[in-house]
Amino acid sequence: MKRVIFGLLLVAPLTAFAASESVIPLEPANIDINDQRALQRGAGLFVNSCMGCHSVKYMRWNRVATDIGITEDQLREFLQTTGDAPVDQLRIAMRAEDAERWFGIAPPDLSLTARARGTFDVSGTDWVYNFLLSFYVDDTKTTGVNNLVFPETAMPHVLSDLQGLQRAVFEDGQFVRFEQVREGSMDADEYRRAARDITTFMSYLAEPVQAERRALGTMVILLLLVFLVLAYLTKREYWKDVH
């Protein structure tokens, strides 16, 4: 019992810090990891918008193609913009030292972000989804934007062509609403779907076997229920003559 309490005391500050990062409540992403169309759309958006700076070094192209339901020919045509082979990892050409010199900090690898940002009471996928929704204009920043979910982020709003630009309205120091400053190529609902697709793909990247794990878990539970019924019937048969 003492070990459990000690462990909770160690983890609690980390949980509080992660949860307090965001200045707005996080709305649920409601992703479906089994939706291959969402995974395919998310992969396209992720490769075109995120992989200019962020690698995914723990994944290989051919594994992604298999899991999201595309052929290697489609992989080369729609996702691989470089001369990478299908067996190569999802790496970027930009060197970390160059990125640190240009941006002040090297952009992190995004392989595990959708899990690393999760806590006891905050889902990592909800964090990613709301992060993509919450950029706003901030002229005090070198990137010209800030983020309500991850304040002081060094990342520019790479999806601004899709979402447009929005201004955050605060009253008495509290966030109230966003106001659109410049329209993007998508309306609000379309952009939310795009953000949800990217989040779905990043959730897959963080745990590629999760769909199989959940399916296997369902099968195991059903099997245990069958054995429970058989055990009950066996018990009733053995004890029917006992008074």
C-alpha atoms as a PDB file:
ATOM      1  CA  MET A   1       0.000   0.000   0.000  1.00  0.00           C
ATOM      2  CA  LYS A   2       2.838   2.395   0.860  1.00  0.00           C
ATOM      3  CA  ARG A   3       4.428   1.739  -2.532  1.00  0.00           C
ATOM      4  CA  VAL A   4       1.159   2.561  -4.312  1.00  0.00           C
ATOM      5  CA  ILE A   5       0.761   5.840  -2.408  1.00  0.00           C
ATOM      6  CA  PHE A   6       4.405   6.761  -3.037  1.00  0.00           C
ATOM      7  CA  GLY A   7       3.964   6.063  -6.775  1.00  0.00           C
ATOM      8  CA  LEU A   8       0.847   8.244  -6.924  1.00  0.00           C
ATOM      9  CA  LEU A   9       2.683  11.074  -5.171  1.00  0.00           C
ATOM     10  CA  LEU A  10       5.420  10.902  -7.792  1.00  0.00           C
ATOM     11  CA  VAL A  11       3.041  10.852 -10.729  1.00  0.00           C
ATOM     12  CA  ALA A  12       0.511  13.417  -9.479  1.00  0.00           C
ATOM     13  CA  PRO A  13       2.700  16.502 -10.067  1.00  0.00           C
ATOM     14  CA  LEU A  14       3.441  15.342 -13.604  1.00  0.00           C
ATOM     15  CA  THR A  15      -0.254  14.823 -14.261  1.00  0.00           C
ATOM     16  CA  ALA A  16      -1.140  18.226 -12.871  1.00  0.00           C
ATOM     17  CA  PHE A  17       1.534  19.877 -14.997  1.00  0.00           C
ATOM     18  CA  ALA A  18       0.354  18.192 -18.194  1.00  0.00           C
ATOM     19  CA  ALA A  19      -3.286  18.993 -17.503  1.00  0.00           C
ATOM     20  CA  SER A  20      -2.570  22.621 -16.557  1.00  0.00           C
ATOM     21  CA  GLU A  21      -0.663  23.220 -19.795  1.00  0.00           C
ATOM     22  CA  SER A  22      -3.890  23.920 -21.663  1.00  0.00           C
ATOM     23  CA  VAL A  23      -5.838  27.071 -20.802  1.00  0.00           C
ATOM     24  CA  ILE A  24      -9.049  25.644 -22.294  1.00  0.00           C
ATOM     25  CA  PRO A  25     -10.950  22.412 -21.596  1.00  0.00           C
ATOM     26  CA  LEU A  26     -10.189  19.763 -24.184  1.00  0.00           C
ATOM     27  CA  GLU A  27     -13.069  18.553 -26.322  1.00  0.00           C
ATOM     28  CA  PRO A  28     -12.997  14.840 -27.234  1.00  0.00           C
ATOM     29  CA  ALA A  29     -11.396  13.898 -30.538  1.00  0.00           C
ATOM     30  CA  ASN A  30     -13.760  10.923 -31.010  1.00  0.00           C
ATOM     31  CA  ILE A  31     -11.426   9.148 -33.426  1.00  0.00           C
ATOM     32  CA  ASP A  32     -11.956   5.669 -34.850  1.00  0.00           C
ATOM     33  CA  ILE A  33      -8.650   3.856 -35.226  1.00  0.00           C
ATOM     34  CA  ASN A  34     -10.360   1.253 -37.468  1.00  0.00           C
ATOM     35  CA  ASP A  35     -11.435   3.879 -40.016  1.00  0.00           C
ATOM     36  CA  GLN A  36      -8.947   3.282 -42.836  1.00  0.00           C
ATOM     37  CA  ARG A  37     -10.240   6.187 -44.919  1.00  0.00           C
ATOM     38  CA  ALA A  38      -9.526   8.524 -42.009  1.00  0.00           C
ATOM     39  CA  LEU A  39      -6.081   6.958 -41.622  1.00  0.00           C
ATOM     40  CA  GLN A  40      -5.368   7.454 -45.319  1.00  0.00           C
ATOM     41  CA  ARG A  41      -6.506  11.079 -45.292  1.00  0.00           C
ATOM     42  CA  GLY A  42      -4.588  11.689 -42.074  1.00  0.00           C
ATOM     43  CA  ALA A  43      -1.437  10.134 -43.539  1.00  0.00           C
ATOM     44  CA  GLY A  44      -1.612  12.439 -46.556  1.00  0.00           C
ATOM     45  CA  LEU A  45      -2.104  15.533 -44.411  1.00  0.00           C
ATOM     46  CA  PHE A  46       0.596  14.480 -41.967  1.00  0.00           C
ATOM     47  CA  VAL A  47       3.206  13.793 -44.652  1.00  0.00           C
ATOM     48  CA  ASN A  48       2.477  17.009 -46.549  1.00  0.00           C
ATOM     49  CA  SER A  49       2.134  19.323 -43.544  1.00  0.00           C
ATOM     50  CA  CYS A  50       4.128  17.862 -40.646  1.00  0.00           C
ATOM     51  CA  MET A  51       7.012  15.898 -42.102  1.00  0.00           C
ATOM     52  CA  GLY A  52       8.809  18.947 -43.387  1.00  0.00           C
ATOM     53  CA  CYS A  53      10.173  19.278 -39.845  1.00  0.00           C
ATOM     54  CA  HIS A  54       9.063  16.240 -37.818  1.00  0.00           C
ATOM     55  CA  SER A  55      10.304  12.697 -38.313  1.00  0.00           C
ATOM     56  CA  VAL A  56       8.565   9.464 -37.289  1.00  0.00           C
ATOM     57  CA  LYS A  57      11.683   7.377 -36.920  1.00  0.00           C
ATOM     58  CA  TYR A  58      10.054   4.365 -35.257  1.00  0.00           C
ATOM     59  CA  MET A  59       7.896   3.546 -38.291  1.00  0.00           C
ATOM     60  CA  ARG A  60       8.681   2.237 -41.762  1.00  0.00           C
ATOM     61  CA  TRP A  61       6.874   3.225 -44.950  1.00  0.00           C
ATOM     62  CA  ASN A  62       5.835  -0.307 -45.929  1.00  0.00           C
ATOM     63  CA  ARG A  63       4.342  -0.957 -42.472  1.00  0.00           C
ATOM     64  CA  VAL A  64       2.286   2.236 -42.762  1.00  0.00           C
ATOM     65  CA  ALA A  65       1.107   1.286 -46.262  1.00  0.00           C
ATOM     66  CA  THR A  66      -0.011  -2.160 -45.103  1.00  0.00           C
ATOM     67  CA  ASP A  67      -1.793  -0.892 -42.000  1.00  0.00           C
ATOM     68  CA  ILE A  68      -3.714   1.943 -43.674  1.00  0.00           C
ATOM     69  CA  GLY A  69      -4.704  -0.222 -46.634  1.00  0.00           C
ATOM     70  CA  ILE A  70      -2.738   1.101 -49.602  1.00  0.00           C
ATOM     71  CA  THR A  71      -0.361  -0.590 -52.027  1.00  0.00           C
ATOM     72  CA  GLU A  72       3.335   0.211 -52.362  1.00  0.00           C
ATOM     73  CA  ASP A  73       2.583   1.849 -55.719  1.00  0.00           C
ATOM     74  CA  GLN A  74       0.052   4.136 -54.016  1.00  0.00           C
ATOM     75  CA  LEU A  75       2.585   4.739 -51.258  1.00  0.00           C
ATOM     76  CA  ARG A  76       5.164   5.982 -53.771  1.00  0.00           C
ATOM     77  CA  GLU A  77       2.602   8.051 -55.658  1.00  0.00           C
ATOM     78  CA  PHE A  78       0.790   9.772 -52.801  1.00  0.00           C
ATOM     79  CA  LEU A  79       2.995   9.721 -49.699  1.00  0.00           C
ATOM     80  CA  GLN A  80       6.674   9.306 -50.506  1.00  0.00           C
ATOM     81  CA  THR A  81       7.898  12.619 -51.862  1.00  0.00           C
ATOM     82  CA  THR A  82      11.572  11.631 -51.646  1.00  0.00           C
ATOM     83  CA  GLY A  83      13.573   8.711 -52.968  1.00  0.00           C
ATOM     84  CA  ASP A  84      13.012   6.603 -49.844  1.00  0.00           C
ATOM     85  CA  ALA A  85      12.584   2.867 -50.264  1.00  0.00           C
ATOM     86  CA  PRO A  86       9.452   1.229 -48.811  1.00  0.00           C
ATOM     87  CA  VAL A  87      11.562  -0.342 -46.041  1.00  0.00           C
ATOM     88  CA  ASP A  88      13.010   3.005 -44.938  1.00  0.00           C
ATOM     89  CA  GLN A  89      11.988   4.774 -41.754  1.00  0.00           C
ATOM     90  CA  LEU A  90       9.915   7.949 -41.889  1.00  0.00           C
ATOM     91  CA  ARG A  91      12.814  10.341 -41.481  1.00  0.00           C
ATOM     92  CA  ILE A  92      13.346  13.896 -42.695  1.00  0.00           C
ATOM     93  CA  ALA A  93      16.245  15.463 -44.564  1.00  0.00           C
ATOM     94  CA  MET A  94      16.678  18.359 -42.129  1.00  0.00           C
ATOM     95  CA  ARG A  95      19.447  17.786 -39.598  1.00  0.00           C
ATOM     96  CA  ALA A  96      18.709  18.407 -35.914  1.00  0.00           C
ATOM     97  CA  GLU A  97      21.612  20.831 -35.519  1.00  0.00           C
ATOM     98  CA  ASP A  98      20.404  22.883 -38.495  1.00  0.00           C
ATOM     99  CA  ALA A  99      16.859  22.952 -37.130  1.00  0.00           C
ATOM    100  CA  GLU A 100      18.101  24.095 -33.729  1.00  0.00           C
ATOM    101  CA  ARG A 101      20.128  26.877 -35.332  1.00  0.00           C
ATOM    102  CA  TRP A 102      17.177  28.037 -37.482  1.00  0.00           C
ATOM    103  CA  PHE A 103      14.283  27.630 -35.032  1.00  0.00           C
ATOM    104  CA  GLY A 104      15.985  27.756 -31.639  1.00  0.00           C
ATOM    105  CA  ILE A 105      14.897  24.185 -30.914  1.00  0.00           C
ATOM    106  CA  ALA A 106      14.936  20.981 -32.949  1.00  0.00           C
ATOM    107  CA  PRO A 107      11.372  19.841 -33.816  1.00  0.00           C
ATOM    108  CA  PRO A 108      10.659  16.622 -31.896  1.00  0.00           C
ATOM    109  CA  ASP A 109      10.016  13.242 -33.421  1.00  0.00           C
ATOM    110  CA  LEU A 110       6.248  12.640 -33.418  1.00  0.00           C
ATOM    111  CA  SER A 111       6.201   8.845 -33.218  1.00  0.00           C
ATOM    112  CA  LEU A 112       4.839   8.690 -29.674  1.00  0.00           C
ATOM    113  CA  THR A 113       3.258  12.122 -29.207  1.00  0.00           C
ATOM    114  CA  ALA A 114      -0.333  10.850 -29.111  1.00  0.00           C
ATOM    115  CA  ARG A 115       0.601   8.642 -26.149  1.00  0.00           C
ATOM    116  CA  ALA A 116       3.203  10.836 -24.450  1.00  0.00           C
ATOM    117  CA  ARG A 117       0.717  13.716 -24.099  1.00  0.00           C
ATOM    118  CA  GLY A 118      -1.794  11.546 -22.277  1.00  0.00           C
ATOM    119  CA  THR A 119      -2.302  11.558 -18.499  1.00  0.00           C
ATOM    120  CA  PHE A 120      -4.701   9.871 -16.089  1.00  0.00           C
ATOM    121  CA  ASP A 121      -7.499  12.298 -16.960  1.00  0.00           C
ATOM    122  CA  VAL A 122      -6.410  13.676 -20.348  1.00  0.00           C
ATOM    123  CA  SER A 123      -6.281  11.590 -23.512  1.00  0.00           C
ATOM    124  CA  GLY A 124      -3.227  12.128 -25.695  1.00  0.00           C
ATOM    125  CA  THR A 125      -5.407  12.061 -28.798  1.00  0.00           C
ATOM    126  CA  ASP A 126      -7.656  14.775 -27.331  1.00  0.00           C
ATOM    127  CA  TRP A 127      -4.544  16.861 -26.667  1.00  0.00           C
ATOM    128  CA  VAL A 128      -3.304  16.511 -30.274  1.00  0.00           C
ATOM    129  CA  TYR A 129      -6.741  17.250 -31.740  1.00  0.00           C
ATOM    130  CA  ASN A 130      -7.261  20.396 -29.663  1.00  0.00           C
ATOM    131  CA  PHE A 131      -3.699  21.543 -30.292  1.00  0.00           C
ATOM    132  CA  LEU A 132      -4.385  21.517 -34.034  1.00  0.00           C
ATOM    133  CA  LEU A 133      -7.567  23.565 -33.484  1.00  0.00           C
ATOM    134  CA  SER A 134      -6.168  26.143 -31.078  1.00  0.00           C
ATOM    135  CA  PHE A 135      -3.594  28.257 -32.934  1.00  0.00           C
ATOM    136  CA  TYR A 136      -4.316  31.980 -32.805  1.00  0.00           C
ATOM    137  CA  VAL A 137      -2.657  35.161 -34.032  1.00  0.00           C
ATOM    138  CA  ASP A 138      -0.050  36.572 -31.637  1.00  0.00           C
ATOM    139  CA  ASP A 139       2.160  39.342 -32.994  1.00  0.00           C
ATOM    140  CA  THR A 140       4.523  39.091 -30.031  1.00  0.00           C
ATOM    141  CA  LYS A 141       5.772  35.698 -31.274  1.00  0.00           C
ATOM    142  CA  THR A 142       8.367  35.253 -34.012  1.00  0.00           C
ATOM    143  CA  THR A 143       6.089  32.690 -35.669  1.00  0.00           C
ATOM    144  CA  GLY A 144       3.162  35.138 -35.515  1.00  0.00           C
ATOM    145  CA  VAL A 145       0.977  32.622 -33.649  1.00  0.00           C
ATOM    146  CA  ASN A 146       0.486  31.071 -30.234  1.00  0.00           C
ATOM    147  CA  ASN A 147      -1.548  28.112 -29.014  1.00  0.00           C
ATOM    148  CA  LEU A 148      -4.080  27.785 -26.185  1.00  0.00           C
ATOM    149  CA  VAL A 149      -3.362  24.094 -25.586  1.00  0.00           C
ATOM    150  CA  PHE A 150       0.434  24.469 -25.642  1.00  0.00           C
ATOM    151  CA  PRO A 151       1.189  28.113 -24.747  1.00  0.00           C
ATOM    152  CA  GLU A 152       4.495  29.559 -25.983  1.00  0.00           C
ATOM    153  CA  THR A 153       4.846  26.850 -28.611  1.00  0.00           C
ATOM    154  CA  ALA A 154       7.701  27.438 -31.051  1.00  0.00           C
ATOM    155  CA  MET A 155       5.763  25.750 -33.852  1.00  0.00           C
ATOM    156  CA  PRO A 156       4.253  27.864 -36.643  1.00  0.00           C
ATOM    157  CA  HIS A 157       0.687  27.178 -37.750  1.00  0.00           C
ATOM    158  CA  VAL A 158       1.525  24.923 -40.696  1.00  0.00           C
ATOM    159  CA  LEU A 159      -2.176  24.260 -41.361  1.00  0.00           C
ATOM    160  CA  SER A 160      -3.135  27.931 -41.623  1.00  0.00           C
ATOM    161  CA  ASP A 161      -3.782  27.569 -45.361  1.00  0.00           C
ATOM    162  CA  LEU A 162      -6.506  25.077 -44.451  1.00  0.00           C
ATOM    163  CA  GLN A 163      -7.918  26.632 -41.282  1.00  0.00           C
ATOM    164  CA  GLY A 164      -7.130  30.261 -41.943  1.00  0.00           C
ATOM    165  CA  LEU A 165      -6.144  32.500 -39.023  1.00  0.00           C
ATOM    166  CA  GLN A 166      -8.142  33.226 -35.898  1.00  0.00           C
ATOM    167  CA  ARG A 167      -7.868  35.651 -33.000  1.00  0.00           C
ATOM    168  CA  ALA A 168      -8.346  34.563 -29.391  1.00  0.00           C
ATOM    169  CA  VAL A 169     -10.696  36.791 -27.386  1.00  0.00           C
ATOM    170  CA  PHE A 170     -10.000  37.021 -23.649  1.00  0.00           C
ATOM    171  CA  GLU A 171     -12.112  38.639 -20.940  1.00  0.00           C
ATOM    172  CA  ASP A 172     -10.673  39.158 -17.447  1.00  0.00           C
ATOM    173  CA  GLY A 173      -7.769  36.945 -18.454  1.00  0.00           C
ATOM    174  CA  GLN A 174     -10.031  34.056 -19.441  1.00  0.00           C
ATOM    175  CA  PHE A 175     -10.400  32.719 -22.970  1.00  0.00           C
ATOM    176  CA  VAL A 176     -13.901  33.345 -24.349  1.00  0.00           C
ATOM    177  CA  ARG A 177     -13.937  32.513 -28.051  1.00  0.00           C
ATOM    178  CA  PHE A 178     -12.100  32.576 -31.358  1.00  0.00           C
ATOM    179  CA  GLU A 179     -12.801  35.147 -34.054  1.00  0.00           C
ATOM    180  CA  GLN A 180     -11.852  34.428 -37.660  1.00  0.00           C
ATOM    181  CA  VAL A 181      -9.277  36.865 -39.055  1.00  0.00           C
ATOM    182  CA  ARG A 182      -8.539  35.205 -42.390  1.00  0.00           C
ATOM    183  CA  GLU A 183     -10.448  32.434 -44.113  1.00  0.00           C
ATOM    184  CA  GLY A 184      -8.726  29.211 -45.101  1.00  0.00           C
ATOM    185  CA  SER A 185      -9.446  26.771 -47.893  1.00  0.00           C
ATOM    186  CA  MET A 186     -11.663  24.734 -45.524  1.00  0.00           C
ATOM    187  CA  ASP A 187     -14.681  25.743 -43.513  1.00  0.00           C
ATOM    188  CA  ALA A 188     -14.804  25.023 -39.773  1.00  0.00           C
ATOM    189  CA  ASP A 189     -16.356  21.546 -40.112  1.00  0.00           C
ATOM    190  CA  GLU A 190     -13.968  20.493 -42.870  1.00  0.00           C
ATOM    191  CA  TYR A 191     -10.969  21.619 -40.860  1.00  0.00           C
ATOM    192  CA  ARG A 192     -12.194  19.776 -37.779  1.00  0.00           C
ATOM    193  CA  ARG A 193     -12.423  16.615 -39.838  1.00  0.00           C
ATOM    194  CA  ALA A 194      -8.891  17.212 -41.162  1.00  0.00           C
ATOM    195  CA  ALA A 195      -7.601  17.713 -37.603  1.00  0.00           C
ATOM    196  CA  ARG A 196      -9.412  14.550 -36.518  1.00  0.00           C
ATOM    197  CA  ASP A 197      -7.869  12.611 -39.442  1.00  0.00           C
ATOM    198  CA  ILE A 198      -4.363  13.761 -38.513  1.00  0.00           C
ATOM    199  CA  THR A 199      -5.047  12.834 -34.893  1.00  0.00           C
ATOM    200  CA  THR A 200      -6.250   9.389 -35.974  1.00  0.00           C
ATOM    201  CA  PHE A 201      -3.061   8.817 -37.935  1.00  0.00           C
ATOM    202  CA  MET A 202      -0.871  10.040 -35.053  1.00  0.00           C
ATOM    203  CA  SER A 203      -2.746   7.753 -32.671  1.00  0.00           C
ATOM    204  CA  TYR A 204      -1.976   4.868 -35.031  1.00  0.00           C
ATOM    205  CA  LEU A 205       1.710   5.892 -35.173  1.00  0.00           C
ATOM    206  CA  ALA A 206       1.937   5.895 -31.388  1.00  0.00           C
ATOM    207  CA  GLU A 207       0.624   2.318 -31.162  1.00  0.00           C
ATOM    208  CA  PRO A 208       0.333   0.552 -34.538  1.00  0.00           C
ATOM    209  CA  VAL A 209      -1.050  -2.659 -32.993  1.00  0.00           C
ATOM    210  CA  GLN A 210      -3.848  -1.047 -31.002  1.00  0.00           C
ATOM    211  CA  ALA A 211      -6.605  -2.098 -33.410  1.00  0.00           C
ATOM    212  CA  GLU A 212      -5.374  -5.705 -33.278  1.00  0.00           C
ATOM    213  CA  ARG A 213      -4.986  -5.477 -29.501  1.00  0.00           C
ATOM    214  CA  ARG A 214      -8.571  -4.313 -29.038  1.00  0.00           C
ATOM    215  CA  ALA A 215      -9.922  -6.963 -31.413  1.00  0.00           C
ATOM    216  CA  LEU A 216      -7.939  -9.647 -29.584  1.00  0.00           C
ATOM    217  CA  GLY A 217      -9.176  -8.354 -26.223  1.00  0.00           C
ATOM    218  CA  THR A 218     -12.789  -8.604 -27.408  1.00  0.00           C
ATOM    219  CA  MET A 219     -12.222 -12.178 -28.577  1.00  0.00           C
ATOM    220  CA  VAL A 220     -10.606 -13.140 -25.260  1.00  0.00           C
ATOM    221  CA  ILE A 221     -13.527 -11.688 -23.272  1.00  0.00           C
ATOM    222  CA  LEU A 222     -16.043 -13.547 -25.448  1.00  0.00           C
ATOM    223  CA  LEU A 223     -14.058 -16.762 -24.997  1.00  0.00           C
ATOM    224  CA  LEU A 224     -14.016 -16.277 -21.222  1.00  0.00           C
ATOM    225  CA  LEU A 225     -17.774 -15.738 -21.241  1.00  0.00           C
ATOM    226  CA  VAL A 226     -18.251 -18.999 -23.156  1.00  0.00           C
ATOM    227  CA  PHE A 227     -16.079 -20.827 -20.602  1.00  0.00           C
ATOM    228  CA  LEU A 228     -18.056 -19.190 -17.792  1.00  0.00           C
ATOM    229  CA  VAL A 229     -21.322 -20.554 -19.205  1.00  0.00           C
ATOM    230  CA  LEU A 230     -19.791 -24.021 -19.670  1.00  0.00           C
ATOM    231  CA  ALA A 231     -18.374 -23.960 -16.142  1.00  0.00           C
ATOM    232  CA  TYR A 232     -21.758 -22.948 -14.711  1.00  0.00           C
ATOM    233  CA  LEU A 233     -23.572 -25.713 -16.622  1.00  0.00           C
ATOM    234  CA  THR A 234     -20.956 -28.256 -15.489  1.00  0.00           C
ATOM    235  CA  LYS A 235     -21.275 -27.131 -11.880  1.00  0.00           C
ATOM    236  CA  ARG A 236     -25.069 -27.365 -12.017  1.00  0.00           C
ATOM    237  CA  GLU A 237     -24.866 -30.873 -13.499  1.00  0.00           C
ATOM    238  CA  TYR A 238     -22.472 -32.103 -10.779  1.00  0.00           C
ATOM    239  CA  TRP A 239     -24.441 -30.592  -7.892  1.00  0.00           C
ATOM    240  CA  LYS A 240     -27.996 -31.271  -9.044  1.00  0.00           C
ATOM    241  CA  ASP A 241     -28.360 -34.327  -6.753  1.00  0.00           C
ATOM    242  CA  VAL A 242     -26.724 -32.699  -3.745  1.00  0.00           C
ATOM    243  CA  HIS A 243     -29.185 -31.344  -1.145  1.00  0.00           C
END
